Amino acid sequence: MQSAAASPDIFATLTRPDRSGAPKYMRLSSVLMQAIIDGHWKAGDRLPTEEELAVMTPFSLGTVQRALRTLVDQGVVVRHHGLGSFVAENDLRMEDPWHCRFLDTDGVSFLPVYSKVLSRERIKTRGAWSRYFPDAGDNLTLITRVINVNGEFDVLVRFYMDSRVLPRLSRASLRSLDGLNFKTVIVGELNVPITRITHDVSLVKFDAATAEIIGTCKGEAGLFMQAAALMGETACVYYQEFSIPTTDRVLSIPDQLPRMGYQSR
């Protein structure tokens, strides 16, 4: 089986001087992601082999392998033993996100985002989330996702909830949550409306685990956003933490959510 041809223009940016400081494998994975977004490779297409990519780009075979592994971990690419790497069939694009909204260069439209669930677990440890779920007990659940923004960078998202409030998110298969806008599920499951959404943003230095996932270096600074959705004054629907690497893109935090009638602080 032959791979879909790759235009030399796809990799042109990789031959130019880079001042972003991003690791080489992240630069390559971003270029491959952008080519998929642009439709150069479509769902089911076979990508060039690792050896072919090493010839097409200025990077070593090891860098190519790590870039492809990153796309596999994100669910964008699947590997079939003995056949090669293929663009995944499932659609990871998330429509109309609530929080992870970055402006395009026109200053009006939002960049497309693609989400992949890494894990879901019950947690008992205490942290910033504890004050939002004082009575959750063994029902406190953490869903960890990676959201890729327009093939440019990854955002690590930790989504905390009481599984009794949002049972579908706590029971659905992890694969079915890829690309899913949690807002759709939340609106369908709640018996009372969200009345307030808070956003708090700070500058932090990322720990090693976070840096590895979002493709930065340990100790590098980036944005840390905390968002909580409340029913009334104190009942929490969810609490989220976003780890966002340094980017020139503008993060747009809505003043309100008019279509739902929700007020945001």
Protein backbone atom coordinates (compact mmCIF):
# COMPACT_ATOMS: atom_id res chain seq x y z
CA MET A 1 0.00 0.00 0.00
CA GLN A 2 1.45 3.33 -1.05
CA SER A 3 1.24 6.43 1.10
CA ALA A 4 -0.47 9.60 -0.09
CA ALA A 5 2.05 11.91 -1.74
CA ALA A 6 3.45 14.73 0.36
CA SER A 7 3.97 18.13 -1.24
CA PRO A 8 7.40 19.64 -0.47
CA ASP A 9 5.58 22.85 0.51
CA ILE A 10 4.18 21.12 3.59
CA PHE A 11 7.60 20.97 5.21
CA ALA A 12 8.95 24.30 3.92
CA THR A 13 8.59 26.03 7.29
CA LEU A 14 10.82 23.42 8.93
CA THR A 15 13.81 24.54 6.86
CA ARG A 16 13.54 28.15 8.02
CA PRO A 17 15.11 29.55 11.19
CA ASP A 18 12.94 28.81 14.22
CA ARG A 19 12.78 31.15 17.22
CA SER A 20 9.84 29.56 19.01
CA GLY A 21 11.98 27.30 21.18
CA ALA A 22 9.56 24.41 20.57
CA PRO A 23 11.12 20.92 20.46
CA LYS A 24 11.77 19.61 16.96
CA TYR A 25 9.29 16.76 17.30
CA MET A 26 6.54 19.22 18.29
CA ARG A 27 7.31 21.40 15.27
CA LEU A 28 7.03 18.38 12.99
CA SER A 29 3.86 17.04 14.62
CA SER A 30 2.28 20.51 14.30
CA VAL A 31 3.14 20.64 10.58
CA LEU A 32 1.68 17.17 10.03
CA MET A 33 -1.44 18.10 11.99
CA GLN A 34 -1.89 21.27 9.95
CA ALA A 35 -1.59 19.28 6.71
CA ILE A 36 -4.34 16.96 7.94
CA ILE A 37 -6.52 19.93 8.94
CA ASP A 38 -5.98 21.48 5.50
CA GLY A 39 -7.10 18.24 3.87
CA HIS A 40 -3.78 17.22 2.34
CA TRP A 41 -4.24 13.88 4.06
CA LYS A 42 -7.78 12.75 4.78
CA ALA A 43 -9.25 10.15 7.13
CA GLY A 44 -7.92 6.73 6.17
CA ASP A 45 -4.95 8.05 4.16
CA ARG A 46 -1.58 6.48 4.80
CA LEU A 47 1.14 8.92 5.82
CA PRO A 48 4.68 8.73 4.46
CA THR A 49 6.83 6.20 6.27
CA GLU A 50 9.17 7.26 9.06
CA GLU A 51 12.12 6.85 6.72
CA GLU A 52 10.43 8.94 4.00
CA LEU A 53 9.64 11.71 6.48
CA ALA A 54 13.24 11.73 7.67
CA VAL A 55 14.31 12.35 4.05
CA MET A 56 11.61 14.99 3.43
CA THR A 57 12.42 16.97 6.59
CA PRO A 58 15.63 18.22 8.22
CA PHE A 59 15.01 15.96 11.23
CA SER A 60 16.42 12.66 12.37
CA LEU A 61 14.53 9.37 12.33
CA GLY A 62 14.20 9.57 16.12
CA THR A 63 12.55 12.99 15.91
CA VAL A 64 10.16 11.72 13.23
CA GLN A 65 9.24 8.72 15.35
CA ARG A 66 8.50 10.90 18.37
CA ALA A 67 6.39 13.31 16.28
CA LEU A 68 4.28 10.45 14.95
CA ARG A 69 3.98 8.95 18.42
CA THR A 70 2.63 12.31 19.64
CA LEU A 71 -0.07 12.26 16.94
CA VAL A 72 -0.91 8.66 17.82
CA ASP A 73 -1.28 9.60 21.50
CA GLN A 74 -3.59 12.45 20.47
CA GLY A 75 -5.75 10.07 18.46
CA VAL A 76 -5.05 11.88 15.18
CA VAL A 77 -3.01 9.04 13.69
CA VAL A 78 -3.36 5.27 14.06
CA ARG A 79 -0.69 2.68 13.40
CA HIS A 80 -1.34 -0.71 11.80
CA HIS A 81 1.47 -3.20 12.28
CA GLY A 82 3.23 -3.94 9.03
CA LEU A 83 1.18 -1.39 7.10
CA GLY A 84 2.17 2.02 8.44
CA SER A 85 0.59 5.14 9.95
CA PHE A 86 -2.84 6.36 8.87
CA VAL A 87 -5.02 9.40 9.54
CA ALA A 88 -7.63 8.30 12.10
CA GLU A 89 -11.20 7.85 10.91
CA ASN A 90 -12.81 9.39 13.98
CA ASP A 91 -13.49 13.14 14.01
CA LEU A 92 -11.71 14.79 16.93
CA ARG A 93 -12.82 18.33 16.10
CA MET A 94 -14.74 19.96 18.92
CA GLU A 95 -17.38 22.48 17.89
CA ASP A 96 -18.08 25.72 19.76
CA PRO A 97 -15.93 25.26 22.90
CA TRP A 98 -16.84 27.19 26.02
CA HIS A 99 -13.41 27.95 27.41
CA CYS A 100 -10.55 26.97 25.09
CA ARG A 101 -11.22 29.65 22.48
CA PHE A 102 -8.33 31.25 20.63
CA LEU A 103 -8.82 34.01 18.06
CA ASP A 104 -7.74 33.56 14.46
CA THR A 105 -5.69 36.27 12.76
CA ASP A 106 -8.89 38.07 11.68
CA GLY A 107 -9.56 38.84 15.35
CA VAL A 108 -13.14 37.57 15.08
CA SER A 109 -13.34 33.86 14.25
CA PHE A 110 -12.01 31.12 16.50
CA LEU A 111 -9.34 28.56 15.66
CA PRO A 112 -10.47 24.93 15.35
CA VAL A 113 -9.69 22.70 18.31
CA TYR A 114 -9.36 18.92 18.54
CA SER A 115 -9.72 16.99 21.78
CA LYS A 116 -8.43 13.62 22.92
CA VAL A 117 -9.19 12.03 26.30
CA LEU A 118 -6.13 10.61 28.05
CA SER A 119 -7.70 9.16 31.19
CA ARG A 120 -10.65 9.10 33.59
CA GLU A 121 -10.26 8.26 37.25
CA ARG A 122 -11.85 8.62 40.67
CA ILE A 123 -9.72 10.77 42.95
CA LYS A 124 -9.51 11.27 46.69
CA THR A 125 -6.63 13.73 46.90
CA ARG A 126 -7.28 17.32 47.88
CA GLY A 127 -6.47 20.39 45.80
CA ALA A 128 -7.97 23.55 44.33
CA TRP A 129 -10.98 21.49 43.25
CA SER A 130 -11.85 20.41 46.80
CA ARG A 131 -13.75 23.57 47.72
CA TYR A 132 -16.07 23.09 44.74
CA PHE A 133 -17.03 19.51 45.66
CA PRO A 134 -17.16 19.30 49.48
CA ASP A 135 -19.70 16.45 49.46
CA ALA A 136 -18.57 14.45 46.43
CA GLY A 137 -16.72 11.81 48.44
CA ASP A 138 -15.87 8.78 46.28
CA ASN A 139 -17.82 10.27 43.37
CA LEU A 140 -15.23 12.92 42.53
CA THR A 141 -14.00 12.13 39.00
CA LEU A 142 -11.16 13.58 36.95
CA ILE A 143 -11.13 13.44 33.14
CA THR A 144 -7.79 14.44 31.63
CA ARG A 145 -7.82 15.68 28.03
CA VAL A 146 -5.42 17.19 25.52
CA ILE A 147 -6.86 19.86 23.26
CA ASN A 148 -4.89 20.68 20.13
CA VAL A 149 -5.42 24.21 18.82
CA ASN A 150 -5.29 24.44 15.02
CA GLY A 151 -2.31 22.09 14.84
CA GLU A 152 -0.18 24.76 16.54
CA PHE A 153 0.00 23.79 20.20
CA ASP A 154 -1.54 21.53 22.84
CA VAL A 155 -3.47 22.49 25.96
CA LEU A 156 -3.72 20.11 28.91
CA VAL A 157 -7.20 20.12 30.46
CA ARG A 158 -8.17 18.57 33.78
CA PHE A 159 -11.96 18.33 34.14
CA TYR A 160 -13.33 17.62 37.64
CA MET A 161 -16.93 16.63 38.34
CA ASP A 162 -19.25 14.76 40.68
CA SER A 163 -20.21 11.63 38.74
CA ARG A 164 -23.71 11.76 40.24
CA VAL A 165 -24.30 15.13 38.58
CA LEU A 166 -22.89 14.15 35.17
CA PRO A 167 -23.30 10.37 34.94
CA ARG A 168 -22.90 10.12 31.16
CA LEU A 169 -19.40 11.60 31.25
CA SER A 170 -18.48 9.20 34.04
CA ARG A 171 -19.74 6.07 32.24
CA ALA A 172 -19.24 6.61 28.50
CA SER A 173 -16.32 4.91 26.79
CA LEU A 174 -13.21 7.07 26.60
CA ARG A 175 -13.12 6.87 22.81
CA SER A 176 -16.67 8.27 22.58
CA LEU A 177 -15.48 11.32 24.52
CA ASP A 178 -12.81 12.20 21.94
CA GLY A 179 -13.85 15.36 20.10
CA LEU A 180 -16.97 15.65 22.23
CA ASN A 181 -18.02 19.08 23.39
CA PHE A 182 -18.80 18.40 27.04
CA LYS A 183 -21.18 21.37 26.94
CA THR A 184 -23.64 19.29 24.89
CA VAL A 185 -23.72 16.55 27.51
CA ILE A 186 -23.88 18.98 30.42
CA VAL A 187 -26.84 20.91 29.03
CA GLY A 188 -28.70 17.63 28.39
CA GLU A 189 -28.14 16.20 31.88
CA LEU A 190 -28.71 19.15 34.18
CA ASN A 191 -32.09 19.66 35.79
CA VAL A 192 -31.27 23.22 36.80
CA PRO A 193 -29.42 25.90 34.80
CA ILE A 194 -25.84 27.02 35.16
CA THR A 195 -26.09 30.53 36.57
CA ARG A 196 -22.45 31.55 36.78
CA ILE A 197 -19.11 30.63 35.22
CA THR A 198 -15.88 31.90 36.72
CA HIS A 199 -12.49 32.25 35.04
CA ASP A 200 -9.22 32.87 36.88
CA VAL A 201 -5.94 33.12 34.95
CA SER A 202 -2.39 33.14 36.31
CA LEU A 203 1.16 32.71 35.05
CA VAL A 204 2.85 29.51 36.23
CA LYS A 205 5.92 27.40 35.59
CA PHE A 206 4.97 23.94 34.35
CA ASP A 207 6.05 20.80 36.15
CA ALA A 208 7.75 17.99 34.24
CA ALA A 209 4.59 15.91 33.68
CA THR A 210 2.58 18.83 32.30
CA ALA A 211 5.48 20.06 30.16
CA GLU A 212 5.88 16.61 28.59
CA ILE A 213 2.22 16.48 27.54
CA ILE A 214 2.03 19.97 26.04
CA GLY A 215 5.47 19.84 24.44
CA THR A 216 7.34 22.42 26.50
CA CYS A 217 10.23 22.23 28.92
CA LYS A 218 10.01 21.77 32.68
CA GLY A 219 10.02 25.15 34.39
CA GLU A 220 8.86 27.01 31.28
CA ALA A 221 6.18 29.61 31.97
CA GLY A 222 2.68 29.57 30.54
CA LEU A 223 -0.94 30.35 31.37
CA PHE A 224 -2.92 28.44 33.96
CA MET A 225 -6.67 29.01 33.72
CA GLN A 226 -9.22 27.76 36.25
CA ALA A 227 -12.89 27.67 35.25
CA ALA A 228 -15.87 26.65 37.36
CA ALA A 229 -19.52 26.37 36.38
CA LEU A 230 -22.00 26.92 39.21
CA MET A 231 -25.68 26.35 39.80
CA GLY A 232 -26.79 29.13 42.12
CA GLU A 233 -24.05 30.48 44.34
CA THR A 234 -22.26 27.36 45.50
CA ALA A 235 -23.37 24.11 43.74
CA CYS A 236 -20.62 23.23 41.24
CA VAL A 237 -21.31 21.42 37.97
CA TYR A 238 -17.65 21.18 36.98
CA TYR A 239 -14.24 22.67 37.69
CA GLN A 240 -11.51 22.72 35.02
CA GLU A 241 -7.81 23.53 34.89
CA PHE A 242 -6.14 24.51 31.61
CA SER A 243 -2.35 24.47 31.15
CA ILE A 244 -1.58 26.62 28.10
CA PRO A 245 1.93 26.97 26.64
CA THR A 246 3.33 30.30 25.46
CA THR A 247 1.61 31.37 22.23
CA ASP A 248 1.00 34.48 20.16
CA ARG A 249 -2.67 33.53 19.87
CA VAL A 250 -5.23 35.50 21.89
CA LEU A 251 -7.29 33.54 24.40
CA SER A 252 -10.86 34.84 24.32
CA ILE A 253 -12.74 34.56 27.60
CA PRO A 254 -16.46 35.31 27.11
CA ASP A 255 -18.18 37.90 29.28
CA GLN A 256 -21.39 35.91 28.93
CA LEU A 257 -22.90 32.92 27.19
CA PRO A 258 -25.94 34.50 25.53
CA ARG A 259 -27.37 31.47 23.79
CA MET A 260 -27.68 29.65 27.10
CA GLY A 261 -28.61 32.70 29.13
CA TYR A 262 -25.68 32.10 31.47
CA GLN A 263 -23.72 34.87 33.11
CA SER A 264 -19.94 34.66 33.31
CA ARG A 265 -17.68 36.49 35.71
